[in-house]
Amino acid sequence: MESKIINMVERIRDSEDRKLQALFASAPIEDDGFSRRVMARVRRQILVQRFALPVAFVVGAAIAAKPVSQLIQALYALLKFIPQTLASNIGASPLAQVPQLSTIVLGGTLLMAVLMFGKLTRR
C-alpha cells in the first residue's frame, strides 16, 4: 500500500517549483570553454598538491644524505676513543636499568589504545 500523502506532495507544484523547473530545464550557457579551463586548472593544482610532499621528502633526503653520512662517520670515530674499561663497565651503569625497546613500544601502544578508548567512551 502506497501513501497518498507522499504522492500528492510530489505532484503538487507551486509557482516557485515551476520557476525552478523552468530555470533548470533551460539550455546551458555557452562560456567558450571557460568551465573546462577552470576544471583543468583545479585538477592540475590537486595533482601538484598530491605530489608536492613526497617530492620534497625525496629532495630533502638527497640533500641531507651526505651530512648524515659524515655525522655517522664522526660518531664512529669518536667511539674509538672510549676506553675499554668504560665499555666493559657499561653493564653496571644506570643505563642497564632502562627497559628494552620492545617494552617501551608495547607500553606506548597500550597507552594509545587506552587514550583512544577513553575518547570513544566519552561521546
PDB file of N, CA and C in Angstrom:
ATOM      1  N   MET A   1       0.844  -1.178   0.000  1.00  0.00           N
ATOM      2  CA  MET A   1       0.000   0.000   0.000  1.00  0.00           C
ATOM      3  C   MET A   1       0.890   1.242   0.000  1.00  0.00           C
ATOM      4  N   GLU A   2       0.632   2.149  -0.906  1.00  0.00           N
ATOM      5  CA  GLU A   2       1.409   3.365  -1.003  1.00  0.00           C
ATOM      6  C   GLU A   2       0.698   4.499  -0.293  1.00  0.00           C
ATOM      7  N   SER A   3       1.509   5.366   0.273  1.00  0.00           N
ATOM      8  CA  SER A   3       0.938   6.514   0.952  1.00  0.00           C
ATOM      9  C   SER A   3       0.518   7.554  -0.076  1.00  0.00           C
ATOM     10  N   LYS A   4      -0.711   8.029   0.005  1.00  0.00           N
ATOM     11  CA  LYS A   4      -1.206   9.017  -0.944  1.00  0.00           C
ATOM     12  C   LYS A   4      -0.686  10.414  -0.630  1.00  0.00           C
ATOM     13  N   ILE A   5      -0.306  10.631   0.608  1.00  0.00           N
ATOM     14  CA  ILE A   5       0.192  11.948   1.009  1.00  0.00           C
ATOM     15  C   ILE A   5       1.509  12.246   0.288  1.00  0.00           C
ATOM     16  N   ILE A   6       2.420  11.285   0.264  1.00  0.00           N
ATOM     17  CA  ILE A   6       3.716  11.490  -0.377  1.00  0.00           C
ATOM     18  C   ILE A   6       3.533  11.691  -1.874  1.00  0.00           C
ATOM     19  N   ASN A   7       2.679  10.893  -2.491  1.00  0.00           N
ATOM     20  CA  ASN A   7       2.452  11.029  -3.926  1.00  0.00           C
ATOM     21  C   ASN A   7       1.808  12.367  -4.263  1.00  0.00           C
ATOM     22  N   MET A   8       0.920  12.824  -3.429  1.00  0.00           N
ATOM     23  CA  MET A   8       0.262  14.103  -3.684  1.00  0.00           C
ATOM     24  C   MET A   8       1.264  15.256  -3.578  1.00  0.00           C
ATOM     25  N   VAL A   9       2.133  15.197  -2.612  1.00  0.00           N
ATOM     26  CA  VAL A   9       3.116  16.265  -2.430  1.00  0.00           C
ATOM     27  C   VAL A   9       4.058  16.318  -3.625  1.00  0.00           C
ATOM     28  N   GLU A  10       4.418  15.165  -4.171  1.00  0.00           N
ATOM     29  CA  GLU A  10       5.318  15.153  -5.310  1.00  0.00           C
ATOM     30  C   GLU A  10       4.641  15.687  -6.563  1.00  0.00           C
ATOM     31  N   ARG A  11       3.342  15.576  -6.680  1.00  0.00           N
ATOM     32  CA  ARG A  11       2.628  16.020  -7.882  1.00  0.00           C
ATOM     33  C   ARG A  11       2.229  17.486  -7.819  1.00  0.00           C
ATOM     34  N   ILE A  12       2.040  17.999  -6.628  1.00  0.00           N
ATOM     35  CA  ILE A  12       1.606  19.390  -6.488  1.00  0.00           C
ATOM     36  C   ILE A  12       2.822  20.295  -6.665  1.00  0.00           C
ATOM     37  N   ARG A  13       2.677  21.286  -7.562  1.00  0.00           N
ATOM     38  CA  ARG A  13       3.769  22.225  -7.805  1.00  0.00           C
ATOM     39  C   ARG A  13       3.220  23.638  -7.655  1.00  0.00           C
ATOM     40  N   ASP A  14       3.936  24.418  -6.868  1.00  0.00           N
ATOM     41  CA  ASP A  14       3.536  25.810  -6.737  1.00  0.00           C
ATOM     42  C   ASP A  14       4.346  26.653  -7.720  1.00  0.00           C
ATOM     43  N   SER A  15       4.236  27.944  -7.620  1.00  0.00           N
ATOM     44  CA  SER A  15       4.881  28.825  -8.606  1.00  0.00           C
ATOM     45  C   SER A  15       6.412  28.748  -8.496  1.00  0.00           C
ATOM     46  N   GLU A  16       6.958  28.610  -7.283  1.00  0.00           N
ATOM     47  CA  GLU A  16       8.409  28.508  -7.122  1.00  0.00           C
ATOM     48  C   GLU A  16       8.942  27.223  -7.759  1.00  0.00           C
ATOM     49  N   ASP A  17       8.196  26.141  -7.584  1.00  0.00           N
ATOM     50  CA  ASP A  17       8.602  24.872  -8.190  1.00  0.00           C
ATOM     51  C   ASP A  17       8.609  24.978  -9.716  1.00  0.00           C
ATOM     52  N   ARG A  18       7.598  25.632 -10.267  1.00  0.00           N
ATOM     53  CA  ARG A  18       7.547  25.788 -11.731  1.00  0.00           C
ATOM     54  C   ARG A  18       8.682  26.673 -12.225  1.00  0.00           C
ATOM     55  N   LYS A  19       8.998  27.730 -11.478  1.00  0.00           N
ATOM     56  CA  LYS A  19      10.109  28.616 -11.868  1.00  0.00           C
ATOM     57  C   LYS A  19      11.444  27.869 -11.824  1.00  0.00           C
ATOM     58  N   LEU A  20      11.653  27.094 -10.756  1.00  0.00           N
ATOM     59  CA  LEU A  20      12.889  26.316 -10.653  1.00  0.00           C
ATOM     60  C   LEU A  20      12.984  25.279 -11.760  1.00  0.00           C
ATOM     61  N   GLN A  21      11.891  24.630 -12.063  1.00  0.00           N
ATOM     62  CA  GLN A  21      11.886  23.632 -13.125  1.00  0.00           C
ATOM     63  C   GLN A  21      12.199  24.285 -14.468  1.00  0.00           C
ATOM     64  N   ALA A  22      11.643  25.461 -14.729  1.00  0.00           N
ATOM     65  CA  ALA A  22      11.921  26.165 -15.974  1.00  0.00           C
ATOM     66  C   ALA A  22      13.382  26.626 -16.021  1.00  0.00           C
ATOM     67  N   LEU A  23      13.909  27.048 -14.889  1.00  0.00           N
ATOM     68  CA  LEU A  23      15.303  27.510 -14.838  1.00  0.00           C
ATOM     69  C   LEU A  23      16.269  26.369 -15.127  1.00  0.00           C
ATOM     70  N   PHE A  24      16.030  25.213 -14.516  1.00  0.00           N
ATOM     71  CA  PHE A  24      16.934  24.082 -14.714  1.00  0.00           C
ATOM     72  C   PHE A  24      16.713  23.385 -16.048  1.00  0.00           C
ATOM     73  N   ALA A  25      15.558  23.589 -16.666  1.00  0.00           N
ATOM     74  CA  ALA A  25      15.280  22.955 -17.950  1.00  0.00           C
ATOM     75  C   ALA A  25      15.868  23.750 -19.110  1.00  0.00           C
ATOM     76  N   SER A  26      16.335  24.965 -18.875  1.00  0.00           N
ATOM     77  CA  SER A  26      16.871  25.789 -19.959  1.00  0.00           C
ATOM     78  C   SER A  26      18.219  25.253 -20.441  1.00  0.00           C
ATOM     79  N   ALA A  27      18.605  25.672 -21.600  1.00  0.00           N
ATOM     80  CA  ALA A  27      19.863  25.216 -22.206  1.00  0.00           C
ATOM     81  C   ALA A  27      21.049  25.797 -21.435  1.00  0.00           C
ATOM     82  N   PRO A  28      22.163  25.070 -21.385  1.00  0.00           N
ATOM     83  CA  PRO A  28      23.333  25.596 -20.675  1.00  0.00           C
ATOM     84  C   PRO A  28      23.890  26.827 -21.379  1.00  0.00           C
ATOM     85  N   ILE A  29      24.483  27.700 -20.607  1.00  0.00           N
ATOM     86  CA  ILE A  29      25.053  28.944 -21.123  1.00  0.00           C
ATOM     87  C   ILE A  29      26.405  28.643 -21.754  1.00  0.00           C
ATOM     88  N   GLU A  30      26.640  29.171 -22.928  1.00  0.00           N
ATOM     89  CA  GLU A  30      27.930  28.997 -23.590  1.00  0.00           C
ATOM     90  C   GLU A  30      28.973  29.866 -22.896  1.00  0.00           C
ATOM     91  N   ASP A  31      30.110  29.269 -22.588  1.00  0.00           N
ATOM     92  CA  ASP A  31      31.159  30.028 -21.894  1.00  0.00           C
ATOM     93  C   ASP A  31      32.501  29.953 -22.609  1.00  0.00           C
ATOM     94  N   ASP A  32      32.506  29.539 -23.856  1.00  0.00           N
ATOM     95  CA  ASP A  32      33.728  29.464 -24.680  1.00  0.00           C
ATOM     96  C   ASP A  32      34.820  28.642 -24.014  1.00  0.00           C
ATOM     97  N   GLY A  33      34.459  27.550 -23.339  1.00  0.00           N
ATOM     98  CA  GLY A  33      35.441  26.660 -22.738  1.00  0.00           C
ATOM     99  C   GLY A  33      35.972  27.115 -21.392  1.00  0.00           C
ATOM    100  N   PHE A  34      35.371  28.158 -20.798  1.00  0.00           N
ATOM    101  CA  PHE A  34      35.852  28.668 -19.514  1.00  0.00           C
ATOM    102  C   PHE A  34      35.762  27.597 -18.423  1.00  0.00           C
ATOM    103  N   SER A  35      34.621  26.906 -18.360  1.00  0.00           N
ATOM    104  CA  SER A  35      34.441  25.876 -17.336  1.00  0.00           C
ATOM    105  C   SER A  35      35.469  24.767 -17.492  1.00  0.00           C
ATOM    106  N   ARG A  36      35.754  24.394 -18.727  1.00  0.00           N
ATOM    107  CA  ARG A  36      36.732  23.335 -18.983  1.00  0.00           C
ATOM    108  C   ARG A  36      38.129  23.775 -18.534  1.00  0.00           C
ATOM    109  N   ARG A  37      38.479  25.044 -18.803  1.00  0.00           N
ATOM    110  CA  ARG A  37      39.794  25.542 -18.380  1.00  0.00           C
ATOM    111  C   ARG A  37      39.909  25.615 -16.863  1.00  0.00           C
ATOM    112  N   VAL A  38      38.828  26.040 -16.207  1.00  0.00           N
ATOM    113  CA  VAL A  38      38.846  26.112 -14.737  1.00  0.00           C
ATOM    114  C   VAL A  38      39.002  24.721 -14.141  1.00  0.00           C
ATOM    115  N   MET A  39      38.264  23.759 -14.661  1.00  0.00           N
ATOM    116  CA  MET A  39      38.359  22.396 -14.138  1.00  0.00           C
ATOM    117  C   MET A  39      39.739  21.805 -14.396  1.00  0.00           C
ATOM    118  N   ALA A  40      40.347  22.099 -15.535  1.00  0.00           N
ATOM    119  CA  ALA A  40      41.705  21.604 -15.808  1.00  0.00           C
ATOM    120  C   ALA A  40      42.694  22.213 -14.829  1.00  0.00           C
ATOM    121  N   ARG A  41      42.534  23.492 -14.526  1.00  0.00           N
ATOM    122  CA  ARG A  41      43.436  24.149 -13.575  1.00  0.00           C
ATOM    123  C   ARG A  41      43.263  23.574 -12.167  1.00  0.00           C
ATOM    124  N   VAL A  42      42.019  23.316 -11.768  1.00  0.00           N
ATOM    125  CA  VAL A  42      41.760  22.736 -10.445  1.00  0.00           C
ATOM    126  C   VAL A  42      42.374  21.339 -10.359  1.00  0.00           C
ATOM    127  N   ARG A  43      42.197  20.527 -11.404  1.00  0.00           N
ATOM    128  CA  ARG A  43      42.794  19.182 -11.403  1.00  0.00           C
ATOM    129  C   ARG A  43      44.313  19.252 -11.322  1.00  0.00           C
ATOM    130  N   ARG A  44      44.906  20.188 -12.062  1.00  0.00           N
ATOM    131  CA  ARG A  44      46.358  20.344 -12.044  1.00  0.00           C
ATOM    132  C   ARG A  44      46.842  20.737 -10.646  1.00  0.00           C
ATOM    133  N   GLN A  45      46.130  21.649  -9.980  1.00  0.00           N
ATOM    134  CA  GLN A  45      46.514  22.053  -8.631  1.00  0.00           C
ATOM    135  C   GLN A  45      46.388  20.893  -7.643  1.00  0.00           C
ATOM    136  N   ILE A  46      45.357  20.085  -7.789  1.00  0.00           N
ATOM    137  CA  ILE A  46      45.205  18.914  -6.924  1.00  0.00           C
ATOM    138  C   ILE A  46      46.359  17.943  -7.141  1.00  0.00           C
ATOM    139  N   LEU A  47      46.740  17.742  -8.404  1.00  0.00           N
ATOM    140  CA  LEU A  47      47.850  16.846  -8.717  1.00  0.00           C
ATOM    141  C   LEU A  47      49.164  17.370  -8.139  1.00  0.00           C
ATOM    142  N   VAL A  48      49.390  18.671  -8.248  1.00  0.00           N
ATOM    143  CA  VAL A  48      50.615  19.267  -7.696  1.00  0.00           C
ATOM    144  C   VAL A  48      50.633  19.129  -6.179  1.00  0.00           C
ATOM    145  N   GLN A  49      49.510  19.384  -5.527  1.00  0.00           N
ATOM    146  CA  GLN A  49      49.456  19.265  -4.070  1.00  0.00           C
ATOM    147  C   GLN A  49      49.654  17.828  -3.618  1.00  0.00           C
ATOM    148  N   ARG A  50      49.174  16.873  -4.413  1.00  0.00           N
ATOM    149  CA  ARG A  50      49.300  15.469  -4.043  1.00  0.00           C
ATOM    150  C   ARG A  50      50.752  15.007  -4.099  1.00  0.00           C
ATOM    151  N   PHE A  51      51.522  15.521  -5.054  1.00  0.00           N
ATOM    152  CA  PHE A  51      52.899  15.070  -5.222  1.00  0.00           C
ATOM    153  C   PHE A  51      53.937  15.986  -4.595  1.00  0.00           C
ATOM    154  N   ALA A  52      53.539  17.135  -4.062  1.00  0.00           N
ATOM    155  CA  ALA A  52      54.499  18.092  -3.518  1.00  0.00           C
ATOM    156  C   ALA A  52      55.232  17.544  -2.293  1.00  0.00           C
ATOM    157  N   LEU A  53      54.527  16.954  -1.363  1.00  0.00           N
ATOM    158  CA  LEU A  53      55.163  16.460  -0.144  1.00  0.00           C
ATOM    159  C   LEU A  53      56.113  15.293  -0.406  1.00  0.00           C
ATOM    160  N   PRO A  54      55.728  14.268  -1.186  1.00  0.00           N
ATOM    161  CA  PRO A  54      56.696  13.199  -1.459  1.00  0.00           C
ATOM    162  C   PRO A  54      57.925  13.676  -2.217  1.00  0.00           C
ATOM    163  N   VAL A  55      57.754  14.581  -3.164  1.00  0.00           N
ATOM    164  CA  VAL A  55      58.905  15.103  -3.908  1.00  0.00           C
ATOM    165  C   VAL A  55      59.799  15.901  -2.972  1.00  0.00           C
ATOM    166  N   ALA A  56      59.222  16.713  -2.095  1.00  0.00           N
ATOM    167  CA  ALA A  56      60.018  17.480  -1.134  1.00  0.00           C
ATOM    168  C   ALA A  56      60.768  16.549  -0.188  1.00  0.00           C
ATOM    169  N   PHE A  57      60.136  15.457   0.209  1.00  0.00           N
ATOM    170  CA  PHE A  57      60.793  14.491   1.086  1.00  0.00           C
ATOM    171  C   PHE A  57      62.004  13.860   0.394  1.00  0.00           C
ATOM    172  N   VAL A  58      61.846  13.471  -0.871  1.00  0.00           N
ATOM    173  CA  VAL A  58      62.946  12.854  -1.610  1.00  0.00           C
ATOM    174  C   VAL A  58      64.077  13.855  -1.817  1.00  0.00           C
ATOM    175  N   VAL A  59      63.736  15.089  -2.175  1.00  0.00           N
ATOM    176  CA  VAL A  59      64.767  16.114  -2.384  1.00  0.00           C
ATOM    177  C   VAL A  59      65.485  16.413  -1.070  1.00  0.00           C
ATOM    178  N   GLY A  60      64.744  16.526   0.018  1.00  0.00           N
ATOM    179  CA  GLY A  60      65.362  16.778   1.318  1.00  0.00           C
ATOM    180  C   GLY A  60      66.263  15.639   1.763  1.00  0.00           C
ATOM    181  N   ALA A  61      65.825  14.399   1.521  1.00  0.00           N
ATOM    182  CA  ALA A  61      66.653  13.244   1.870  1.00  0.00           C
ATOM    183  C   ALA A  61      67.921  13.214   1.031  1.00  0.00           C
ATOM    184  N   ALA A  62      67.814  13.590  -0.238  1.00  0.00           N
ATOM    185  CA  ALA A  62      69.007  13.619  -1.099  1.00  0.00           C
ATOM    186  C   ALA A  62      69.987  14.687  -0.647  1.00  0.00           C
ATOM    187  N   ILE A  63      69.467  15.831  -0.233  1.00  0.00           N
ATOM    188  CA  ILE A  63      70.347  16.905   0.243  1.00  0.00           C
ATOM    189  C   ILE A  63      70.985  16.522   1.570  1.00  0.00           C
ATOM    190  N   ALA A  64      70.233  15.854   2.453  1.00  0.00           N
ATOM    191  CA  ALA A  64      70.727  15.532   3.792  1.00  0.00           C
ATOM    192  C   ALA A  64      71.561  14.257   3.834  1.00  0.00           C
ATOM    193  N   ALA A  65      71.645  13.511   2.752  1.00  0.00           N
ATOM    194  CA  ALA A  65      72.344  12.219   2.779  1.00  0.00           C
ATOM    195  C   ALA A  65      73.822  12.380   3.107  1.00  0.00           C
ATOM    196  N   LYS A  66      74.495  13.321   2.467  1.00  0.00           N
ATOM    197  CA  LYS A  66      75.930  13.488   2.696  1.00  0.00           C
ATOM    198  C   LYS A  66      76.234  13.964   4.126  1.00  0.00           C
ATOM    199  N   PRO A  67      75.552  14.998   4.656  1.00  0.00           N
ATOM    200  CA  PRO A  67      75.832  15.389   6.045  1.00  0.00           C
ATOM    201  C   PRO A  67      75.522  14.292   7.056  1.00  0.00           C
ATOM    202  N   VAL A  68      74.478  13.507   6.816  1.00  0.00           N
ATOM    203  CA  VAL A  68      74.148  12.423   7.747  1.00  0.00           C
ATOM    204  C   VAL A  68      75.239  11.362   7.731  1.00  0.00           C
ATOM    205  N   SER A  69      75.744  11.034   6.544  1.00  0.00           N
ATOM    206  CA  SER A  69      76.824  10.043   6.474  1.00  0.00           C
ATOM    207  C   SER A  69      78.088  10.566   7.152  1.00  0.00           C
ATOM    208  N   GLN A  70      78.372  11.859   7.006  1.00  0.00           N
ATOM    209  CA  GLN A  70      79.528  12.443   7.684  1.00  0.00           C
ATOM    210  C   GLN A  70      79.339  12.421   9.201  1.00  0.00           C
ATOM    211  N   LEU A  71      78.121  12.661   9.676  1.00  0.00           N
ATOM    212  CA  LEU A  71      77.843  12.616  11.111  1.00  0.00           C
ATOM    213  C   LEU A  71      78.031  11.204  11.654  1.00  0.00           C
ATOM    214  N   ILE A  72      77.563  10.215  10.917  1.00  0.00           N
ATOM    215  CA  ILE A  72      77.731   8.826  11.354  1.00  0.00           C
ATOM    216  C   ILE A  72      79.206   8.457  11.408  1.00  0.00           C
ATOM    217  N   GLN A  73      79.975   8.878  10.418  1.00  0.00           N
ATOM    218  CA  GLN A  73      81.415   8.595  10.419  1.00  0.00           C
ATOM    219  C   GLN A  73      82.104   9.280  11.594  1.00  0.00           C
ATOM    220  N   ALA A  74      81.700  10.514  11.908  1.00  0.00           N
ATOM    221  CA  ALA A  74      82.310  11.227  13.034  1.00  0.00           C
ATOM    222  C   ALA A  74      81.967  10.541  14.355  1.00  0.00           C
ATOM    223  N   LEU A  75      80.735  10.096  14.511  1.00  0.00           N
ATOM    224  CA  LEU A  75      80.361   9.393  15.740  1.00  0.00           C
ATOM    225  C   LEU A  75      81.106   8.066  15.865  1.00  0.00           C
ATOM    226  N   TYR A  76      81.291   7.376  14.767  1.00  0.00           N
ATOM    227  CA  TYR A  76      82.046   6.128  14.794  1.00  0.00           C
ATOM    228  C   TYR A  76      83.499   6.390  15.184  1.00  0.00           C
ATOM    229  N   ALA A  77      84.063   7.484  14.678  1.00  0.00           N
ATOM    230  CA  ALA A  77      85.442   7.839  15.045  1.00  0.00           C
ATOM    231  C   ALA A  77      85.536   8.193  16.525  1.00  0.00           C
ATOM    232  N   LEU A  78      84.500   8.834  17.070  1.00  0.00           N
ATOM    233  CA  LEU A  78      84.509   9.164  18.495  1.00  0.00           C
ATOM    234  C   LEU A  78      84.384   7.921  19.369  1.00  0.00           C
ATOM    235  N   LEU A  79      83.690   6.909  18.889  1.00  0.00           N
ATOM    236  CA  LEU A  79      83.530   5.679  19.660  1.00  0.00           C
ATOM    237  C   LEU A  79      84.858   4.948  19.845  1.00  0.00           C
ATOM    238  N   LYS A  80      85.805   5.163  18.946  1.00  0.00           N
ATOM    239  CA  LYS A  80      87.111   4.522  19.072  1.00  0.00           C
ATOM    240  C   LYS A  80      87.882   5.043  20.286  1.00  0.00           C
ATOM    241  N   PHE A  81      87.565   6.263  20.718  1.00  0.00           N
ATOM    242  CA  PHE A  81      88.302   6.876  21.823  1.00  0.00           C
ATOM    243  C   PHE A  81      87.739   6.532  23.198  1.00  0.00           C
ATOM    244  N   ILE A  82      86.650   5.787  23.274  1.00  0.00           N
ATOM    245  CA  ILE A  82      86.096   5.376  24.561  1.00  0.00           C
ATOM    246  C   ILE A  82      86.993   4.283  25.121  1.00  0.00           C
ATOM    247  N   PRO A  83      87.465   4.455  26.345  1.00  0.00           N
ATOM    248  CA  PRO A  83      88.347   3.437  26.932  1.00  0.00           C
ATOM    249  C   PRO A  83      87.623   2.091  27.084  1.00  0.00           C
ATOM    250  N   GLN A  84      88.361   1.009  26.963  1.00  0.00           N
ATOM    251  CA  GLN A  84      87.781  -0.323  27.065  1.00  0.00           C
ATOM    252  C   GLN A  84      87.242  -0.594  28.470  1.00  0.00           C
ATOM    253  N   THR A  85      87.852  -0.015  29.474  1.00  0.00           N
ATOM    254  CA  THR A  85      87.364  -0.234  30.845  1.00  0.00           C
ATOM    255  C   THR A  85      85.979   0.384  31.030  1.00  0.00           C
ATOM    256  N   LEU A  86      85.756   1.540  30.403  1.00  0.00           N
ATOM    257  CA  LEU A  86      84.444   2.172  30.488  1.00  0.00           C
ATOM    258  C   LEU A  86      83.413   1.351  29.718  1.00  0.00           C
ATOM    259  N   ALA A  87      83.823   0.803  28.582  1.00  0.00           N
ATOM    260  CA  ALA A  87      82.909  -0.007  27.779  1.00  0.00           C
ATOM    261  C   ALA A  87      82.554  -1.302  28.496  1.00  0.00           C
ATOM    262  N   SER A  88      83.466  -1.879  29.259  1.00  0.00           N
ATOM    263  CA  SER A  88      83.169  -3.123  29.963  1.00  0.00           C
ATOM    264  C   SER A  88      82.296  -2.880  31.199  1.00  0.00           C
ATOM    265  N   ASN A  89      82.328  -1.678  31.766  1.00  0.00           N
ATOM    266  CA  ASN A  89      81.522  -1.359  32.948  1.00  0.00           C
ATOM    267  C   ASN A  89      80.143  -0.818  32.594  1.00  0.00           C
ATOM    268  N   ILE A  90      79.824  -0.800  31.322  1.00  0.00           N
ATOM    269  CA  ILE A  90      78.531  -0.221  30.930  1.00  0.00           C
ATOM    270  C   ILE A  90      77.367  -1.064  31.438  1.00  0.00           C
ATOM    271  N   GLY A  91      77.571  -2.339  31.702  1.00  0.00           N
ATOM    272  CA  GLY A  91      76.517  -3.186  32.243  1.00  0.00           C
ATOM    273  C   GLY A  91      76.184  -2.819  33.672  1.00  0.00           C
ATOM    274  N   ALA A  92      77.117  -2.245  34.403  1.00  0.00           N
ATOM    275  CA  ALA A  92      76.876  -1.856  35.785  1.00  0.00           C
ATOM    276  C   ALA A  92      76.348  -0.432  35.892  1.00  0.00           C
ATOM    277  N   SER A  93      76.250   0.271  34.790  1.00  0.00           N
ATOM    278  CA  SER A  93      75.805   1.665  34.824  1.00  0.00           C
ATOM    279  C   SER A  93      74.284   1.737  34.922  1.00  0.00           C
ATOM    280  N   PRO A  94      73.736   2.916  35.195  1.00  0.00           N
ATOM    281  CA  PRO A  94      72.280   3.069  35.267  1.00  0.00           C
ATOM    282  C   PRO A  94      71.587   2.791  33.929  1.00  0.00           C
ATOM    283  N   LEU A  95      72.340   2.819  32.819  1.00  0.00           N
ATOM    284  CA  LEU A  95      71.737   2.530  31.522  1.00  0.00           C
ATOM    285  C   LEU A  95      71.259   1.088  31.424  1.00  0.00           C
ATOM    286  N   ALA A  96      71.808   0.209  32.219  1.00  0.00           N
ATOM    287  CA  ALA A  96      71.391  -1.187  32.186  1.00  0.00           C
ATOM    288  C   ALA A  96      69.982  -1.362  32.739  1.00  0.00           C
ATOM    289  N   GLN A  97      69.509  -0.393  33.520  1.00  0.00           N
ATOM    290  CA  GLN A  97      68.187  -0.489  34.114  1.00  0.00           C
ATOM    291  C   GLN A  97      67.087   0.079  33.224  1.00  0.00           C
ATOM    292  N   VAL A  98      67.466   0.666  32.084  1.00  0.00           N
ATOM    293  CA  VAL A  98      66.476   1.192  31.140  1.00  0.00           C
ATOM    294  C   VAL A  98      65.784   0.007  30.464  1.00  0.00           C
ATOM    295  N   PRO A  99      64.453   0.039  30.355  1.00  0.00           N
ATOM    296  CA  PRO A  99      63.750  -1.090  29.732  1.00  0.00           C
ATOM    297  C   PRO A  99      64.145  -1.267  28.262  1.00  0.00           C
ATOM    298  N   GLN A 100      63.929  -2.467  27.758  1.00  0.00           N
ATOM    299  CA  GLN A 100      64.242  -2.733  26.366  1.00  0.00           C
ATOM    300  C   GLN A 100      63.262  -1.989  25.460  1.00  0.00           C
ATOM    301  N   LEU A 101      63.656  -1.832  24.199  1.00  0.00           N
ATOM    302  CA  LEU A 101      62.842  -1.088  23.239  1.00  0.00           C
ATOM    303  C   LEU A 101      61.479  -1.744  23.034  1.00  0.00           C
ATOM    304  N   SER A 102      61.436  -3.068  23.028  1.00  0.00           N
ATOM    305  CA  SER A 102      60.154  -3.746  22.819  1.00  0.00           C
ATOM    306  C   SER A 102      59.183  -3.441  23.961  1.00  0.00           C
ATOM    307  N   THR A 103      59.682  -3.322  25.174  1.00  0.00           N
ATOM    308  CA  THR A 103      58.835  -2.995  26.318  1.00  0.00           C
ATOM    309  C   THR A 103      58.304  -1.570  26.192  1.00  0.00           C
ATOM    310  N   ILE A 104      59.151  -0.652  25.741  1.00  0.00           N
ATOM    311  CA  ILE A 104      58.731   0.740  25.579  1.00  0.00           C
ATOM    312  C   ILE A 104      57.668   0.846  24.486  1.00  0.00           C
ATOM    313  N   VAL A 105      57.867   0.150  23.371  1.00  0.00           N
ATOM    314  CA  VAL A 105      56.891   0.186  22.274  1.00  0.00           C
ATOM    315  C   VAL A 105      55.566  -0.419  22.714  1.00  0.00           C
ATOM    316  N   LEU A 106      55.606  -1.533  23.429  1.00  0.00           N
ATOM    317  CA  LEU A 106      54.384  -2.154  23.918  1.00  0.00           C
ATOM    318  C   LEU A 106      53.640  -1.232  24.874  1.00  0.00           C
ATOM    319  N   GLY A 107      54.364  -0.573  25.770  1.00  0.00           N
ATOM    320  CA  GLY A 107      53.737   0.366  26.699  1.00  0.00           C
ATOM    321  C   GLY A 107      53.126   1.554  25.984  1.00  0.00           C
ATOM    322  N   GLY A 108      53.830   2.077  24.976  1.00  0.00           N
ATOM    323  CA  GLY A 108      53.285   3.195  24.199  1.00  0.00           C
ATOM    324  C   GLY A 108      52.029   2.804  23.444  1.00  0.00           C
ATOM    325  N   THR A 109      52.032   1.600  22.879  1.00  0.00           N
ATOM    326  CA  THR A 109      50.853   1.114  22.165  1.00  0.00           C
ATOM    327  C   THR A 109      49.674   0.950  23.115  1.00  0.00           C
ATOM    328  N   LEU A 110      49.935   0.413  24.280  1.00  0.00           N
ATOM    329  CA  LEU A 110      48.879   0.253  25.272  1.00  0.00           C
ATOM    330  C   LEU A 110      48.340   1.608  25.718  1.00  0.00           C
ATOM    331  N   LEU A 111      49.215   2.590  25.921  1.00  0.00           N
ATOM    332  CA  LEU A 111      48.789   3.931  26.310  1.00  0.00           C
ATOM    333  C   LEU A 111      47.906   4.556  25.232  1.00  0.00           C
ATOM    334  N   MET A 112      48.296   4.417  23.968  1.00  0.00           N
ATOM    335  CA  MET A 112      47.496   4.970  22.875  1.00  0.00           C
ATOM    336  C   MET A 112      46.133   4.292  22.796  1.00  0.00           C
ATOM    337  N   ALA A 113      46.087   2.972  23.007  1.00  0.00           N
ATOM    338  CA  ALA A 113      44.818   2.257  22.982  1.00  0.00           C
ATOM    339  C   ALA A 113      43.901   2.743  24.102  1.00  0.00           C
ATOM    340  N   VAL A 114      44.454   2.963  25.287  1.00  0.00           N
ATOM    341  CA  VAL A 114      43.649   3.448  26.411  1.00  0.00           C
ATOM    342  C   VAL A 114      43.123   4.851  26.119  1.00  0.00           C
ATOM    343  N   LEU A 115      43.965   5.719  25.545  1.00  0.00           N
ATOM    344  CA  LEU A 115      43.524   7.078  25.233  1.00  0.00           C
ATOM    345  C   LEU A 115      42.430   7.071  24.166  1.00  0.00           C
ATOM    346  N   MET A 116      42.568   6.233  23.144  1.00  0.00           N
ATOM    347  CA  MET A 116      41.543   6.153  22.099  1.00  0.00           C
ATOM    348  C   MET A 116      40.240   5.600  22.665  1.00  0.00           C
ATOM    349  N   PHE A 117      40.331   4.595  23.518  1.00  0.00           N
ATOM    350  CA  PHE A 117      39.140   4.034  24.141  1.00  0.00           C
ATOM    351  C   PHE A 117      38.461   5.086  25.013  1.00  0.00           C
ATOM    352  N   GLY A 118      39.252   5.894  25.708  1.00  0.00           N
ATOM    353  CA  GLY A 118      38.696   6.961  26.530  1.00  0.00           C
ATOM    354  C   GLY A 118      37.938   7.987  25.708  1.00  0.00           C
ATOM    355  N   LYS A 119      38.471   8.339  24.535  1.00  0.00           N
ATOM    356  CA  LYS A 119      37.775   9.296  23.683  1.00  0.00           C
ATOM    357  C   LYS A 119      36.487   8.711  23.114  1.00  0.00           C
ATOM    358  N   LEU A 120      36.509   7.420  22.786  1.00  0.00           N
ATOM    359  CA  LEU A 120      35.319   6.793  22.220  1.00  0.00           C
ATOM    360  C   LEU A 120      34.195   6.704  23.247  1.00  0.00           C
ATOM    361  N   THR A 121      34.539   6.441  24.500  1.00  0.00           N
ATOM    362  CA  THR A 121      33.506   6.261  25.520  1.00  0.00           C
ATOM    363  C   THR A 121      32.988   7.600  26.035  1.00  0.00           C
ATOM    364  N   ARG A 122      33.702   8.681  25.796  1.00  0.00           N
ATOM    365  CA  ARG A 122      33.267   9.988  26.289  1.00  0.00           C
ATOM    366  C   ARG A 122      32.080  10.522  25.520  1.00  0.00           C
ATOM    367  N   ARG A 123      31.879  10.098  24.301  1.00  0.00           N
ATOM    368  CA  ARG A 123      30.785  10.623  23.463  1.00  0.00           C
ATOM    369  C   ARG A 123      29.505  10.050  23.853  1.00  0.00           C
TER     370      ARG A 123
END
